[in-house]
């Protein structure tokens, strides 16, 4: 989901109505409750909910942590769309003509209380795809003699998928998860692809067996709603299609890729690292002179 960077500069309505779907685990009661909040420029939906809890209703339950879109804790359904409350500006979801903002817990998750949902099944599915590096040589992995080599272009193949913050928005938006609770889900399948694509990993055979099931990657209908709501542009839908392609080649016996090796130990302190042949020095730079003379940084006097 693209972030509207201009939203924080726009002036919101003077007063908005936050309509919250409440749930009590003690009484099993579900009801809607409305709160009026004075809005200001730069205010997010999470800011409004915290203001409600501090000034109007201490019983409202909401999960949050970093408040800057990094932890993924404040995922909820805002005006029918799964979003991070801390990244959603009031001006994005309310206007003078329609100042009502509807807030619900994430779809496809069991509700614990109010806006807090249970991620147990979500993380169990995540763990099931073995989201960690697997090497055939266990001794080498447990007692490494150096780091595994990886080229920049190989790192870029997994970088996008490493930005996941486990917010569950993709899982909440997925129509297949709604229809098939046993479906692994976009987040778990994306992570399976992330490690299958990692040149340091040798466990692709194990993961292909896990995702090549009735409730695995073949169950995806490619609605792409998961990628549409992802706050980090991870693109789980694209990852699942790429995972299918690799699985197909694997089943035909055509899947091959490079496996990284253990790189040599780093140079000892004081040992000069040779520049590559294509490297050129800036005009006037003398490496020998720099090595002989210490670098002195002069700080401005207070």
C-alpha atoms as a PDB file:
ATOM      1  CA  UNK A   1       0.000   0.000   0.000  1.00  0.00           C
ATOM      2  CA  UNK A   2       1.433   3.316  -1.084  1.00  0.00           C
ATOM      3  CA  UNK A   3       1.867   5.842   1.716  1.00  0.00           C
ATOM      4  CA  UNK A   4       0.341   9.260   1.069  1.00  0.00           C
ATOM      5  CA  UNK A   5       3.213  11.489   2.194  1.00  0.00           C
ATOM      6  CA  UNK A   6       1.127  14.636   1.689  1.00  0.00           C
ATOM      7  CA  UNK A   7      -1.644  13.447   4.011  1.00  0.00           C
ATOM      8  CA  UNK A   8       0.114  14.722   7.143  1.00  0.00           C
ATOM      9  CA  UNK A   9       0.171  18.235   5.678  1.00  0.00           C
ATOM     10  CA  UNK A  10      -3.528  18.402   4.945  1.00  0.00           C
ATOM     11  CA  UNK A  11      -5.953  19.827   7.483  1.00  0.00           C
ATOM     12  CA  UNK A  12      -8.411  17.228   8.825  1.00  0.00           C
ATOM     13  CA  UNK A  13     -11.988  17.897   9.965  1.00  0.00           C
ATOM     14  CA  UNK A  14     -12.106  19.711  13.308  1.00  0.00           C
ATOM     15  CA  UNK A  15     -13.904  16.752  14.843  1.00  0.00           C
ATOM     16  CA  UNK A  16     -14.069  13.129  13.698  1.00  0.00           C
ATOM     17  CA  UNK A  17     -16.190  10.221  14.883  1.00  0.00           C
ATOM     18  CA  UNK A  18     -14.265   7.020  15.577  1.00  0.00           C
ATOM     19  CA  UNK A  19     -16.697   4.096  15.313  1.00  0.00           C
ATOM     20  CA  UNK A  20     -15.097   1.088  17.018  1.00  0.00           C
ATOM     21  CA  UNK A  21     -16.234  -2.519  16.890  1.00  0.00           C
ATOM     22  CA  UNK A  22     -15.994  -3.697  20.503  1.00  0.00           C
ATOM     23  CA  UNK A  23     -15.846  -7.255  21.841  1.00  0.00           C
ATOM     24  CA  UNK A  24     -15.923  -8.494  25.421  1.00  0.00           C
ATOM     25  CA  UNK A  25     -14.328 -11.932  25.988  1.00  0.00           C
ATOM     26  CA  UNK A  26     -16.148 -12.258  29.315  1.00  0.00           C
ATOM     27  CA  UNK A  27     -19.691 -11.784  27.977  1.00  0.00           C
ATOM     28  CA  UNK A  28     -18.998 -12.673  24.292  1.00  0.00           C
ATOM     29  CA  UNK A  29     -20.861  -9.492  23.429  1.00  0.00           C
ATOM     30  CA  UNK A  30     -20.122  -7.581  20.212  1.00  0.00           C
ATOM     31  CA  UNK A  31     -21.247  -3.987  19.781  1.00  0.00           C
ATOM     32  CA  UNK A  32     -20.369  -0.727  18.061  1.00  0.00           C
ATOM     33  CA  UNK A  33     -19.326   2.308  20.057  1.00  0.00           C
ATOM     34  CA  UNK A  34     -18.719   5.835  18.775  1.00  0.00           C
ATOM     35  CA  UNK A  35     -16.282   8.415  20.140  1.00  0.00           C
ATOM     36  CA  UNK A  36     -15.898  12.036  19.095  1.00  0.00           C
ATOM     37  CA  UNK A  37     -12.294  13.236  18.858  1.00  0.00           C
ATOM     38  CA  UNK A  38     -10.888  16.663  18.073  1.00  0.00           C
ATOM     39  CA  UNK A  39      -8.462  16.154  15.219  1.00  0.00           C
ATOM     40  CA  UNK A  40      -5.346  18.099  14.323  1.00  0.00           C
ATOM     41  CA  UNK A  41      -2.995  18.128  11.386  1.00  0.00           C
ATOM     42  CA  UNK A  42      -0.633  15.137  11.423  1.00  0.00           C
ATOM     43  CA  UNK A  43      -2.936  13.047  13.632  1.00  0.00           C
ATOM     44  CA  UNK A  44      -3.075   9.325  12.877  1.00  0.00           C
ATOM     45  CA  UNK A  45      -5.834   6.843  13.626  1.00  0.00           C
ATOM     46  CA  UNK A  46      -3.615   5.353  16.339  1.00  0.00           C
ATOM     47  CA  UNK A  47      -3.209   8.821  17.889  1.00  0.00           C
ATOM     48  CA  UNK A  48      -6.998   9.134  17.974  1.00  0.00           C
ATOM     49  CA  UNK A  49      -7.433   5.711  19.609  1.00  0.00           C
ATOM     50  CA  UNK A  50      -4.811   6.486  22.251  1.00  0.00           C
ATOM     51  CA  UNK A  51      -6.527   9.818  22.919  1.00  0.00           C
ATOM     52  CA  UNK A  52      -9.835   7.993  23.362  1.00  0.00           C
ATOM     53  CA  UNK A  53      -8.310   5.499  25.772  1.00  0.00           C
ATOM     54  CA  UNK A  54      -6.598   8.194  27.828  1.00  0.00           C
ATOM     55  CA  UNK A  55      -9.416  10.747  27.950  1.00  0.00           C
ATOM     56  CA  UNK A  56     -12.741   9.005  27.301  1.00  0.00           C
ATOM     57  CA  UNK A  57     -12.740   5.224  27.753  1.00  0.00           C
ATOM     58  CA  UNK A  58      -9.969   3.364  29.571  1.00  0.00           C
ATOM     59  CA  UNK A  59     -11.503  -0.019  28.733  1.00  0.00           C
ATOM     60  CA  UNK A  60     -10.865   0.062  24.986  1.00  0.00           C
ATOM     61  CA  UNK A  61      -8.164  -2.460  24.047  1.00  0.00           C
ATOM     62  CA  UNK A  62      -5.674  -1.772  21.261  1.00  0.00           C
ATOM     63  CA  UNK A  63      -2.227  -3.208  20.540  1.00  0.00           C
ATOM     64  CA  UNK A  64       0.639  -0.937  19.485  1.00  0.00           C
ATOM     65  CA  UNK A  65       4.336  -0.432  20.132  1.00  0.00           C
ATOM     66  CA  UNK A  66       6.710   1.574  17.936  1.00  0.00           C
ATOM     67  CA  UNK A  67       4.192   4.058  16.448  1.00  0.00           C
ATOM     68  CA  UNK A  68       6.364   4.442  13.329  1.00  0.00           C
ATOM     69  CA  UNK A  69       5.384   1.552  11.063  1.00  0.00           C
ATOM     70  CA  UNK A  70       8.235  -0.739  12.056  1.00  0.00           C
ATOM     71  CA  UNK A  71       6.801  -3.278  14.523  1.00  0.00           C
ATOM     72  CA  UNK A  72       3.526  -4.147  12.780  1.00  0.00           C
ATOM     73  CA  UNK A  73       1.631  -4.311  16.084  1.00  0.00           C
ATOM     74  CA  UNK A  74      -1.169  -1.847  15.345  1.00  0.00           C
ATOM     75  CA  UNK A  75      -2.710  -3.620  12.362  1.00  0.00           C
ATOM     76  CA  UNK A  76      -6.494  -3.204  12.221  1.00  0.00           C
ATOM     77  CA  UNK A  77      -9.288  -2.792   9.695  1.00  0.00           C
ATOM     78  CA  UNK A  78      -9.935   0.888   9.002  1.00  0.00           C
ATOM     79  CA  UNK A  79     -12.916   1.756   6.806  1.00  0.00           C
ATOM     80  CA  UNK A  80     -12.930  -1.833   5.550  1.00  0.00           C
ATOM     81  CA  UNK A  81      -9.232  -1.999   4.621  1.00  0.00           C
ATOM     82  CA  UNK A  82      -6.468  -3.642   6.678  1.00  0.00           C
ATOM     83  CA  UNK A  83      -4.006  -0.900   7.640  1.00  0.00           C
ATOM     84  CA  UNK A  84      -1.395   0.048  10.201  1.00  0.00           C
ATOM     85  CA  UNK A  85      -3.126   2.587  12.437  1.00  0.00           C
ATOM     86  CA  UNK A  86       0.134   4.466  13.079  1.00  0.00           C
ATOM     87  CA  UNK A  87       0.657   5.026   9.341  1.00  0.00           C
ATOM     88  CA  UNK A  88      -2.911   6.028   8.571  1.00  0.00           C
ATOM     89  CA  UNK A  89      -3.500   9.754   8.715  1.00  0.00           C
ATOM     90  CA  UNK A  90      -6.942  11.007   9.702  1.00  0.00           C
ATOM     91  CA  UNK A  91      -7.046  12.966   6.436  1.00  0.00           C
ATOM     92  CA  UNK A  92      -6.713   9.713   4.449  1.00  0.00           C
ATOM     93  CA  UNK A  93      -9.878   8.165   5.867  1.00  0.00           C
ATOM     94  CA  UNK A  94     -12.056  11.125   6.918  1.00  0.00           C
ATOM     95  CA  UNK A  95     -13.249  14.383   5.392  1.00  0.00           C
ATOM     96  CA  UNK A  96     -15.580  17.259   6.219  1.00  0.00           C
ATOM     97  CA  UNK A  97     -18.282  15.540   4.173  1.00  0.00           C
ATOM     98  CA  UNK A  98     -17.770  12.176   5.927  1.00  0.00           C
ATOM     99  CA  UNK A  99     -15.974  12.531   9.287  1.00  0.00           C
ATOM    100  CA  UNK A 100     -16.797   8.958  10.444  1.00  0.00           C
ATOM    101  CA  UNK A 101     -13.933   6.432  10.679  1.00  0.00           C
ATOM    102  CA  UNK A 102     -14.876   2.792  11.183  1.00  0.00           C
ATOM    103  CA  UNK A 103     -12.302   0.703  13.056  1.00  0.00           C
ATOM    104  CA  UNK A 104     -12.488  -3.078  13.417  1.00  0.00           C
ATOM    105  CA  UNK A 105     -10.101  -5.891  14.385  1.00  0.00           C
ATOM    106  CA  UNK A 106      -8.231  -7.590  11.536  1.00  0.00           C
ATOM    107  CA  UNK A 107     -10.297 -10.027   9.502  1.00  0.00           C
ATOM    108  CA  UNK A 108      -9.390 -13.752   9.475  1.00  0.00           C
ATOM    109  CA  UNK A 109      -7.985 -13.593  13.020  1.00  0.00           C
ATOM    110  CA  UNK A 110      -9.689 -14.693  16.263  1.00  0.00           C
ATOM    111  CA  UNK A 111     -10.501 -11.633  18.367  1.00  0.00           C
ATOM    112  CA  UNK A 112      -9.109 -11.506  21.906  1.00  0.00           C
ATOM    113  CA  UNK A 113     -10.668  -8.202  22.922  1.00  0.00           C
ATOM    114  CA  UNK A 114     -11.849  -5.153  20.960  1.00  0.00           C
ATOM    115  CA  UNK A 115      -9.111  -4.459  18.373  1.00  0.00           C
ATOM    116  CA  UNK A 116      -6.614  -7.053  19.642  1.00  0.00           C
ATOM    117  CA  UNK A 117      -6.430 -10.289  17.649  1.00  0.00           C
ATOM    118  CA  UNK A 118      -4.790 -13.677  18.241  1.00  0.00           C
ATOM    119  CA  UNK A 119      -1.743 -14.293  16.009  1.00  0.00           C
ATOM    120  CA  UNK A 120      -1.036 -17.845  17.252  1.00  0.00           C
ATOM    121  CA  UNK A 121      -2.121 -19.603  14.046  1.00  0.00           C
ATOM    122  CA  UNK A 122      -0.401 -16.939  11.925  1.00  0.00           C
ATOM    123  CA  UNK A 123       2.970 -17.525  13.590  1.00  0.00           C
ATOM    124  CA  UNK A 124       2.533 -21.308  13.640  1.00  0.00           C
ATOM    125  CA  UNK A 125       2.167 -21.219   9.854  1.00  0.00           C
ATOM    126  CA  UNK A 126       5.171 -18.916   9.632  1.00  0.00           C
ATOM    127  CA  UNK A 127       7.287 -21.389  11.641  1.00  0.00           C
ATOM    128  CA  UNK A 128       6.043 -24.334   9.564  1.00  0.00           C
ATOM    129  CA  UNK A 129       7.950 -23.192   6.448  1.00  0.00           C
ATOM    130  CA  UNK A 130      11.250 -23.203   8.402  1.00  0.00           C
ATOM    131  CA  UNK A 131      12.076 -19.489   8.054  1.00  0.00           C
ATOM    132  CA  UNK A 132      15.790 -19.829   8.748  1.00  0.00           C
ATOM    133  CA  UNK A 133      18.920 -20.871   6.896  1.00  0.00           C
ATOM    134  CA  UNK A 134      19.378 -24.638   6.532  1.00  0.00           C
ATOM    135  CA  UNK A 135      22.763 -26.081   5.573  1.00  0.00           C
ATOM    136  CA  UNK A 136      23.628 -29.692   4.788  1.00  0.00           C
ATOM    137  CA  UNK A 137      26.811 -29.419   6.813  1.00  0.00           C
ATOM    138  CA  UNK A 138      25.408 -28.923  10.317  1.00  0.00           C
ATOM    139  CA  UNK A 139      28.849 -28.756  11.918  1.00  0.00           C
ATOM    140  CA  UNK A 140      29.848 -25.908   9.622  1.00  0.00           C
ATOM    141  CA  UNK A 141      26.609 -24.071  10.400  1.00  0.00           C
ATOM    142  CA  UNK A 142      26.808 -24.494  14.176  1.00  0.00           C
ATOM    143  CA  UNK A 143      30.536 -23.754  14.383  1.00  0.00           C
ATOM    144  CA  UNK A 144      31.252 -21.409  11.468  1.00  0.00           C
ATOM    145  CA  UNK A 145      34.786 -20.590  10.405  1.00  0.00           C
ATOM    146  CA  UNK A 146      33.643 -17.539   8.444  1.00  0.00           C
ATOM    147  CA  UNK A 147      30.652 -15.921   6.803  1.00  0.00           C
ATOM    148  CA  UNK A 148      28.832 -17.205   3.713  1.00  0.00           C
ATOM    149  CA  UNK A 149      29.647 -15.309   0.561  1.00  0.00           C
ATOM    150  CA  UNK A 150      26.841 -13.416  -1.166  1.00  0.00           C
ATOM    151  CA  UNK A 151      27.040 -11.027  -4.096  1.00  0.00           C
ATOM    152  CA  UNK A 152      25.063  -7.764  -4.129  1.00  0.00           C
ATOM    153  CA  UNK A 153      22.696  -8.957  -6.876  1.00  0.00           C
ATOM    154  CA  UNK A 154      21.971 -12.111  -4.852  1.00  0.00           C
ATOM    155  CA  UNK A 155      21.193 -10.007  -1.783  1.00  0.00           C
ATOM    156  CA  UNK A 156      18.774  -7.892  -3.813  1.00  0.00           C
ATOM    157  CA  UNK A 157      16.827 -11.060  -4.659  1.00  0.00           C
ATOM    158  CA  UNK A 158      15.820 -11.450  -0.997  1.00  0.00           C
ATOM    159  CA  UNK A 159      15.996  -7.856   0.279  1.00  0.00           C
ATOM    160  CA  UNK A 160      12.401  -6.922  -0.556  1.00  0.00           C
ATOM    161  CA  UNK A 161      11.022 -10.031   1.174  1.00  0.00           C
ATOM    162  CA  UNK A 162      13.140  -9.435   4.277  1.00  0.00           C
ATOM    163  CA  UNK A 163      11.233  -6.206   5.006  1.00  0.00           C
ATOM    164  CA  UNK A 164       8.180  -8.034   6.373  1.00  0.00           C
ATOM    165  CA  UNK A 165       7.105  -6.710   9.804  1.00  0.00           C
ATOM    166  CA  UNK A 166       4.645  -9.565  10.593  1.00  0.00           C
ATOM    167  CA  UNK A 167       1.718  -7.166  10.791  1.00  0.00           C
ATOM    168  CA  UNK A 168      -0.776  -9.695   9.385  1.00  0.00           C
ATOM    169  CA  UNK A 169      -2.437  -7.245   6.988  1.00  0.00           C
ATOM    170  CA  UNK A 170      -1.840  -9.576   4.033  1.00  0.00           C
ATOM    171  CA  UNK A 171      -3.378 -12.462   5.975  1.00  0.00           C
ATOM    172  CA  UNK A 172      -6.406 -10.335   6.871  1.00  0.00           C
ATOM    173  CA  UNK A 173      -6.934  -9.237   3.261  1.00  0.00           C
ATOM    174  CA  UNK A 174      -6.585 -12.725   1.728  1.00  0.00           C
ATOM    175  CA  UNK A 175      -9.901 -14.182   0.488  1.00  0.00           C
ATOM    176  CA  UNK A 176      -8.401 -17.696   0.388  1.00  0.00           C
ATOM    177  CA  UNK A 177      -7.552 -17.560   4.110  1.00  0.00           C
ATOM    178  CA  UNK A 178     -11.178 -16.573   4.746  1.00  0.00           C
ATOM    179  CA  UNK A 179     -12.408 -19.589   2.774  1.00  0.00           C
ATOM    180  CA  UNK A 180      -9.735 -22.088   3.860  1.00  0.00           C
ATOM    181  CA  UNK A 181      -8.415 -21.639   7.419  1.00  0.00           C
ATOM    182  CA  UNK A 182      -5.758 -24.306   6.753  1.00  0.00           C
ATOM    183  CA  UNK A 183      -4.217 -22.303   3.897  1.00  0.00           C
ATOM    184  CA  UNK A 184      -0.648 -21.351   4.817  1.00  0.00           C
ATOM    185  CA  UNK A 185      -1.335 -17.760   3.902  1.00  0.00           C
ATOM    186  CA  UNK A 186       0.585 -15.124   1.947  1.00  0.00           C
ATOM    187  CA  UNK A 187       3.070 -14.262   4.694  1.00  0.00           C
ATOM    188  CA  UNK A 188       4.270 -17.819   5.302  1.00  0.00           C
ATOM    189  CA  UNK A 189       4.495 -18.617   1.582  1.00  0.00           C
ATOM    190  CA  UNK A 190       6.371 -15.382   0.946  1.00  0.00           C
ATOM    191  CA  UNK A 191       8.891 -16.328   3.623  1.00  0.00           C
ATOM    192  CA  UNK A 192       9.274 -19.794   2.109  1.00  0.00           C
ATOM    193  CA  UNK A 193      10.209 -18.119  -1.167  1.00  0.00           C
ATOM    194  CA  UNK A 194      12.556 -15.714   0.610  1.00  0.00           C
ATOM    195  CA  UNK A 195      14.660 -18.599   1.947  1.00  0.00           C
ATOM    196  CA  UNK A 196      14.369 -20.740  -1.175  1.00  0.00           C
ATOM    197  CA  UNK A 197      15.827 -17.741  -2.990  1.00  0.00           C
ATOM    198  CA  UNK A 198      18.660 -17.254  -0.465  1.00  0.00           C
ATOM    199  CA  UNK A 199      21.977 -18.559  -1.863  1.00  0.00           C
ATOM    200  CA  UNK A 200      23.181 -19.282   1.687  1.00  0.00           C
ATOM    201  CA  UNK A 201      20.364 -21.802   2.173  1.00  0.00           C
ATOM    202  CA  UNK A 202      20.274 -25.471   1.125  1.00  0.00           C
ATOM    203  CA  UNK A 203      16.872 -26.423   2.529  1.00  0.00           C
ATOM    204  CA  UNK A 204      14.737 -25.764  -0.547  1.00  0.00           C
ATOM    205  CA  UNK A 205      13.819 -29.454  -0.859  1.00  0.00           C
ATOM    206  CA  UNK A 206      12.277 -29.465   2.632  1.00  0.00           C
ATOM    207  CA  UNK A 207      10.331 -26.284   1.985  1.00  0.00           C
ATOM    208  CA  UNK A 208       9.044 -27.424  -1.410  1.00  0.00           C
ATOM    209  CA  UNK A 209       7.519 -30.478   0.316  1.00  0.00           C
ATOM    210  CA  UNK A 210       5.806 -28.178   2.832  1.00  0.00           C
ATOM    211  CA  UNK A 211       4.298 -25.765   0.284  1.00  0.00           C
ATOM    212  CA  UNK A 212       3.473 -28.399  -2.375  1.00  0.00           C
ATOM    213  CA  UNK A 213       0.211 -29.392  -0.692  1.00  0.00           C
ATOM    214  CA  UNK A 214      -3.516 -28.836  -0.997  1.00  0.00           C
ATOM    215  CA  UNK A 215      -3.286 -25.904   1.416  1.00  0.00           C
ATOM    216  CA  UNK A 216       0.036 -24.598   0.133  1.00  0.00           C
ATOM    217  CA  UNK A 217       1.035 -22.344  -2.756  1.00  0.00           C
ATOM    218  CA  UNK A 218      -1.357 -24.018  -5.247  1.00  0.00           C
ATOM    219  CA  UNK A 219      -4.333 -22.802  -3.204  1.00  0.00           C
ATOM    220  CA  UNK A 220      -3.517 -19.151  -3.953  1.00  0.00           C
ATOM    221  CA  UNK A 221      -5.975 -17.599  -6.434  1.00  0.00           C
ATOM    222  CA  UNK A 222      -3.676 -14.629  -7.127  1.00  0.00           C
ATOM    223  CA  UNK A 223      -6.220 -12.046  -5.985  1.00  0.00           C
ATOM    224  CA  UNK A 224      -3.165  -9.926  -5.010  1.00  0.00           C
ATOM    225  CA  UNK A 225      -5.116  -8.256  -2.203  1.00  0.00           C
ATOM    226  CA  UNK A 226      -2.202  -9.169   0.091  1.00  0.00           C
ATOM    227  CA  UNK A 227       0.236  -7.072  -1.937  1.00  0.00           C
ATOM    228  CA  UNK A 228      -2.284  -4.227  -2.196  1.00  0.00           C
ATOM    229  CA  UNK A 229      -2.393  -3.729   1.593  1.00  0.00           C
ATOM    230  CA  UNK A 230       1.248  -4.499   2.468  1.00  0.00           C
ATOM    231  CA  UNK A 231       2.710  -1.425   4.216  1.00  0.00           C
ATOM    232  CA  UNK A 232       6.281  -2.384   3.241  1.00  0.00           C
ATOM    233  CA  UNK A 233       5.678  -3.178  -0.450  1.00  0.00           C
ATOM    234  CA  UNK A 234       6.872  -6.744   0.109  1.00  0.00           C
ATOM    235  CA  UNK A 235       4.568  -8.136  -2.617  1.00  0.00           C
ATOM    236  CA  UNK A 236       3.586 -11.546  -1.194  1.00  0.00           C
ATOM    237  CA  UNK A 237       1.457 -12.285  -4.277  1.00  0.00           C
ATOM    238  CA  UNK A 238       4.457 -11.946  -6.580  1.00  0.00           C
ATOM    239  CA  UNK A 239       6.552 -14.098  -4.238  1.00  0.00           C
ATOM    240  CA  UNK A 240       3.951 -16.885  -4.316  1.00  0.00           C
ATOM    241  CA  UNK A 241       3.889 -16.903  -8.125  1.00  0.00           C
ATOM    242  CA  UNK A 242       7.696 -17.054  -8.218  1.00  0.00           C
ATOM    243  CA  UNK A 243       7.603 -19.868  -5.640  1.00  0.00           C
ATOM    244  CA  UNK A 244       5.219 -21.828  -7.873  1.00  0.00           C
ATOM    245  CA  UNK A 245       7.586 -21.405 -10.798  1.00  0.00           C
ATOM    246  CA  UNK A 246      10.571 -22.693  -8.821  1.00  0.00           C
ATOM    247  CA  UNK A 247       8.511 -25.586  -7.441  1.00  0.00           C
ATOM    248  CA  UNK A 248       7.456 -26.580 -10.954  1.00  0.00           C
ATOM    249  CA  UNK A 249      11.077 -26.679 -12.120  1.00  0.00           C
ATOM    250  CA  UNK A 250      12.034 -28.617  -8.977  1.00  0.00           C
ATOM    251  CA  UNK A 251       9.417 -31.292  -9.661  1.00  0.00           C
ATOM    252  CA  UNK A 252      10.742 -31.627 -13.214  1.00  0.00           C
ATOM    253  CA  UNK A 253      14.281 -32.002 -11.887  1.00  0.00           C
ATOM    254  CA  UNK A 254      15.364 -28.747 -13.533  1.00  0.00           C
ATOM    255  CA  UNK A 255      15.838 -26.571 -10.445  1.00  0.00           C
ATOM    256  CA  UNK A 256      19.423 -25.437  -9.971  1.00  0.00           C
ATOM    257  CA  UNK A 257      21.058 -22.469  -8.327  1.00  0.00           C
ATOM    258  CA  UNK A 258      24.323 -21.432  -6.769  1.00  0.00           C
ATOM    259  CA  UNK A 259      24.971 -22.271  -3.117  1.00  0.00           C
ATOM    260  CA  UNK A 260      27.288 -19.891  -1.315  1.00  0.00           C
ATOM    261  CA  UNK A 261      30.461 -21.148   0.317  1.00  0.00           C
ATOM    262  CA  UNK A 262      32.198 -20.085   3.485  1.00  0.00           C
ATOM    263  CA  UNK A 263      34.290 -17.035   2.744  1.00  0.00           C
ATOM    264  CA  UNK A 264      37.818 -16.772   4.080  1.00  0.00           C
ATOM    265  CA  UNK A 265      38.490 -15.076   7.407  1.00  0.00           C
ATOM    266  CA  UNK A 266      38.691 -11.269   7.395  1.00  0.00           C
ATOM    267  CA  UNK A 267      42.173  -9.764   7.056  1.00  0.00           C
ATOM    268  CA  UNK A 268      44.182  -9.349  10.241  1.00  0.00           C
ATOM    269  CA  UNK A 269      44.426  -5.899  11.769  1.00  0.00           C
ATOM    270  CA  UNK A 270      47.056  -3.887   9.955  1.00  0.00           C
ATOM    271  CA  UNK A 271      46.985  -6.041   6.855  1.00  0.00           C
ATOM    272  CA  UNK A 272      46.309  -3.931   3.805  1.00  0.00           C
ATOM    273  CA  UNK A 273      43.394  -4.960   1.597  1.00  0.00           C
ATOM    274  CA  UNK A 274      44.357  -4.682  -2.050  1.00  0.00           C
ATOM    275  CA  UNK A 275      42.178  -2.509  -4.228  1.00  0.00           C
ATOM    276  CA  UNK A 276      40.531  -4.244  -7.182  1.00  0.00           C
ATOM    277  CA  UNK A 277      42.106  -3.564 -10.606  1.00  0.00           C
ATOM    278  CA  UNK A 278      39.176  -1.441 -11.747  1.00  0.00           C
ATOM    279  CA  UNK A 279      39.424   0.897  -8.739  1.00  0.00           C
ATOM    280  CA  UNK A 280      40.817   4.384  -9.333  1.00  0.00           C
ATOM    281  CA  UNK A 281      42.033   6.900  -6.776  1.00  0.00           C
ATOM    282  CA  UNK A 282      40.802  10.452  -6.588  1.00  0.00           C
ATOM    283  CA  UNK A 283      43.252  13.031  -7.941  1.00  0.00           C
ATOM    284  CA  UNK A 284      45.794  14.047  -5.319  1.00  0.00           C
ATOM    285  CA  UNK A 285      45.192  11.053  -3.003  1.00  0.00           C
ATOM    286  CA  UNK A 286      48.372   9.305  -1.826  1.00  0.00           C
ATOM    287  CA  UNK A 287      47.592   6.022  -0.033  1.00  0.00           C
ATOM    288  CA  UNK A 288      51.097   5.619   1.386  1.00  0.00           C
ATOM    289  CA  UNK A 289      50.983   9.104   2.862  1.00  0.00           C
ATOM    290  CA  UNK A 290      47.594   8.416   4.414  1.00  0.00           C
ATOM    291  CA  UNK A 291      48.925   5.244   6.025  1.00  0.00           C
ATOM    292  CA  UNK A 292      51.935   7.041   7.516  1.00  0.00           C
ATOM    293  CA  UNK A 293      50.127  10.120   8.834  1.00  0.00           C
ATOM    294  CA  UNK A 294      47.324   9.719  11.386  1.00  0.00           C
ATOM    295  CA  UNK A 295      43.982  11.247  10.515  1.00  0.00           C
ATOM    296  CA  UNK A 296      43.165  14.176  12.789  1.00  0.00           C
ATOM    297  CA  UNK A 297      39.583  15.414  12.969  1.00  0.00           C
ATOM    298  CA  UNK A 298      39.249  18.931  14.339  1.00  0.00           C
ATOM    299  CA  UNK A 299      35.961  19.685  16.025  1.00  0.00           C
ATOM    300  CA  UNK A 300      34.688  23.251  16.179  1.00  0.00           C
ATOM    301  CA  UNK A 301      35.210  24.979  19.499  1.00  0.00           C
ATOM    302  CA  UNK A 302      32.107  25.713  21.584  1.00  0.00           C
END
